[in-house]
C-alpha cells in the first residue's frame, strides 16, 4: 500500500511539473511574439528563445 501512495505522489508531482513547464513555454512563446511585433531588444529575444528551447527539451525528456 505504501508503494502505491509513493507512486501516486510521484505521478502527481510529475503532472504538476509538466503543467508548470507547459505554462512557462506558452508564456515565453507569447512574449517572444509580442516582442517581435513591437520590435524590442534582440538580446532579450535571444535569451527568451534560449529559455524556450531549454524548457522544450526538458519537457520532452520528462514526457518520454
N, C-alpha and C. Protein backbone atom coordinates (compact mmCIF):
# COMPACT_ATOMS: atom_id res chain seq x y z
N UNK A 1 0.82 -1.20 0.00
CA UNK A 1 0.00 0.00 0.00
C UNK A 1 0.86 1.26 0.00
N UNK A 2 1.93 1.20 0.77
CA UNK A 2 2.81 2.36 0.86
C UNK A 2 3.48 2.64 -0.48
N UNK A 3 3.80 1.59 -1.21
CA UNK A 3 4.43 1.76 -2.52
C UNK A 3 3.48 2.48 -3.46
N UNK A 4 2.20 2.15 -3.40
CA UNK A 4 1.22 2.79 -4.27
C UNK A 4 1.06 4.27 -3.96
N UNK A 5 1.08 4.63 -2.68
CA UNK A 5 0.95 6.04 -2.32
C UNK A 5 2.16 6.84 -2.80
N UNK A 6 3.34 6.24 -2.70
CA UNK A 6 4.55 6.91 -3.18
C UNK A 6 4.46 7.10 -4.69
N UNK A 7 3.99 6.07 -5.39
CA UNK A 7 3.86 6.15 -6.84
C UNK A 7 2.84 7.22 -7.25
N UNK A 8 1.72 7.29 -6.54
CA UNK A 8 0.71 8.30 -6.84
C UNK A 8 1.23 9.71 -6.58
N UNK A 9 1.96 9.89 -5.49
CA UNK A 9 2.52 11.20 -5.18
C UNK A 9 3.52 11.61 -6.26
N UNK A 10 4.33 10.65 -6.71
CA UNK A 10 5.31 10.94 -7.75
C UNK A 10 4.62 11.32 -9.05
N UNK A 11 3.54 10.61 -9.40
CA UNK A 11 2.80 10.93 -10.62
C UNK A 11 2.17 12.31 -10.54
N UNK A 12 1.64 12.67 -9.37
CA UNK A 12 1.03 13.99 -9.20
C UNK A 12 2.08 15.09 -9.31
N UNK A 13 3.23 14.86 -8.69
CA UNK A 13 4.32 15.84 -8.75
C UNK A 13 4.80 16.02 -10.19
N UNK A 14 4.89 14.91 -10.91
CA UNK A 14 5.31 14.98 -12.32
C UNK A 14 4.27 15.73 -13.14
N UNK A 15 3.00 15.44 -12.92
CA UNK A 15 1.94 16.12 -13.66
C UNK A 15 1.94 17.61 -13.38
N UNK A 16 2.16 17.98 -12.12
CA UNK A 16 2.24 19.40 -11.77
C UNK A 16 3.43 20.07 -12.45
N UNK A 17 4.55 19.38 -12.52
CA UNK A 17 5.74 19.95 -13.14
C UNK A 17 5.53 20.09 -14.65
N UNK A 18 4.90 19.11 -15.27
CA UNK A 18 4.61 19.19 -16.70
C UNK A 18 3.68 20.37 -16.98
N UNK A 19 2.68 20.54 -16.14
CA UNK A 19 1.75 21.66 -16.31
C UNK A 19 2.49 23.00 -16.17
N UNK A 20 3.37 23.09 -15.18
CA UNK A 20 4.16 24.30 -14.98
C UNK A 20 5.03 24.59 -16.19
N UNK A 21 5.71 23.57 -16.72
CA UNK A 21 6.56 23.76 -17.89
C UNK A 21 5.75 24.19 -19.10
N UNK A 22 4.58 23.60 -19.30
CA UNK A 22 3.75 23.96 -20.44
C UNK A 22 3.29 25.42 -20.33
N UNK A 23 2.93 25.85 -19.14
CA UNK A 23 2.52 27.24 -18.94
C UNK A 23 3.69 28.19 -19.18
N UNK A 24 4.87 27.82 -18.71
CA UNK A 24 6.05 28.65 -18.89
C UNK A 24 6.42 28.76 -20.36
N UNK A 25 6.34 27.64 -21.07
CA UNK A 25 6.65 27.63 -22.50
C UNK A 25 5.66 28.51 -23.26
N UNK A 26 4.40 28.41 -22.92
CA UNK A 26 3.38 29.23 -23.57
C UNK A 26 3.62 30.71 -23.31
N UNK A 27 3.94 31.04 -22.07
CA UNK A 27 4.20 32.43 -21.71
C UNK A 27 5.42 32.98 -22.45
N UNK A 28 6.50 32.18 -22.52
CA UNK A 28 7.69 32.61 -23.25
C UNK A 28 7.40 32.80 -24.73
N UNK A 29 6.67 31.87 -25.31
CA UNK A 29 6.34 31.96 -26.73
C UNK A 29 5.53 33.22 -27.02
N UNK A 30 4.53 33.49 -26.18
CA UNK A 30 3.73 34.70 -26.35
C UNK A 30 4.58 35.95 -26.18
N UNK A 31 5.50 35.92 -25.22
CA UNK A 31 6.39 37.06 -25.01
C UNK A 31 7.29 37.31 -26.19
N UNK A 32 7.79 36.25 -26.79
CA UNK A 32 8.65 36.39 -27.97
C UNK A 32 7.87 36.99 -29.12
N UNK A 33 6.68 36.49 -29.37
CA UNK A 33 5.85 37.01 -30.47
C UNK A 33 5.54 38.48 -30.23
N UNK A 34 5.17 38.82 -29.02
CA UNK A 34 4.84 40.20 -28.68
C UNK A 34 6.05 41.12 -28.88
N UNK A 35 7.24 40.66 -28.45
CA UNK A 35 8.45 41.47 -28.59
C UNK A 35 8.84 41.64 -30.05
N UNK A 36 8.65 40.61 -30.86
CA UNK A 36 8.97 40.71 -32.28
C UNK A 36 8.06 41.73 -32.95
N UNK A 37 6.79 41.69 -32.61
CA UNK A 37 5.84 42.64 -33.21
C UNK A 37 6.19 44.07 -32.80
N UNK A 38 6.56 44.25 -31.53
CA UNK A 38 6.91 45.59 -31.05
C UNK A 38 8.29 46.03 -31.54
N UNK A 39 9.15 45.08 -31.89
CA UNK A 39 10.49 45.41 -32.33
C UNK A 39 11.42 45.72 -31.17
N UNK A 40 11.29 44.98 -30.09
CA UNK A 40 12.12 45.21 -28.90
C UNK A 40 13.54 44.69 -29.08
N UNK A 41 14.31 44.83 -28.02
CA UNK A 41 15.73 44.48 -27.99
C UNK A 41 15.97 43.03 -28.42
N UNK A 42 16.94 42.84 -29.30
CA UNK A 42 17.24 41.50 -29.81
C UNK A 42 17.89 40.62 -28.75
N UNK A 43 18.59 41.21 -27.79
CA UNK A 43 19.22 40.41 -26.74
C UNK A 43 18.16 39.74 -25.87
N UNK A 44 17.10 40.47 -25.55
CA UNK A 44 16.00 39.88 -24.78
C UNK A 44 15.37 38.73 -25.56
N UNK A 45 15.17 38.93 -26.84
CA UNK A 45 14.59 37.88 -27.68
C UNK A 45 15.49 36.65 -27.71
N UNK A 46 16.79 36.88 -27.82
CA UNK A 46 17.74 35.78 -27.85
C UNK A 46 17.68 34.98 -26.56
N UNK A 47 17.65 35.68 -25.42
CA UNK A 47 17.60 35.00 -24.13
C UNK A 47 16.29 34.23 -23.96
N UNK A 48 15.18 34.83 -24.39
CA UNK A 48 13.90 34.14 -24.29
C UNK A 48 13.86 32.91 -25.20
N UNK A 49 14.46 33.03 -26.38
CA UNK A 49 14.50 31.90 -27.31
C UNK A 49 15.34 30.76 -26.74
N UNK A 50 16.45 31.09 -26.08
CA UNK A 50 17.27 30.06 -25.46
C UNK A 50 16.50 29.35 -24.33
N UNK A 51 15.79 30.14 -23.53
CA UNK A 51 14.99 29.54 -22.46
C UNK A 51 13.88 28.66 -23.01
N UNK A 52 13.25 29.13 -24.08
CA UNK A 52 12.18 28.35 -24.71
C UNK A 52 12.72 27.01 -25.21
N UNK A 53 13.86 27.03 -25.83
CA UNK A 53 14.47 25.79 -26.32
C UNK A 53 14.82 24.86 -25.16
N UNK A 54 15.37 25.43 -24.10
CA UNK A 54 15.75 24.65 -22.92
C UNK A 54 14.52 23.99 -22.28
N UNK A 55 13.45 24.75 -22.10
CA UNK A 55 12.26 24.21 -21.47
C UNK A 55 11.57 23.18 -22.35
N UNK A 56 11.60 23.38 -23.68
CA UNK A 56 11.03 22.39 -24.58
C UNK A 56 11.78 21.07 -24.50
N UNK A 57 13.10 21.14 -24.44
CA UNK A 57 13.91 19.92 -24.28
C UNK A 57 13.58 19.23 -22.98
N UNK A 58 13.50 19.99 -21.92
CA UNK A 58 13.22 19.43 -20.59
C UNK A 58 11.85 18.76 -20.56
N UNK A 59 10.88 19.40 -21.20
CA UNK A 59 9.53 18.83 -21.25
C UNK A 59 9.52 17.52 -22.02
N UNK A 60 10.24 17.48 -23.15
CA UNK A 60 10.29 16.26 -23.94
C UNK A 60 10.94 15.12 -23.15
N UNK A 61 11.96 15.43 -22.36
CA UNK A 61 12.61 14.40 -21.57
C UNK A 61 11.70 13.88 -20.47
N UNK A 62 10.91 14.76 -19.90
CA UNK A 62 10.01 14.35 -18.82
C UNK A 62 8.87 13.50 -19.37
N UNK A 63 8.34 13.87 -20.53
CA UNK A 63 7.19 13.16 -21.07
C UNK A 63 7.53 11.78 -21.62
N UNK A 64 8.76 11.58 -22.07
CA UNK A 64 9.10 10.28 -22.67
C UNK A 64 10.14 9.55 -21.90
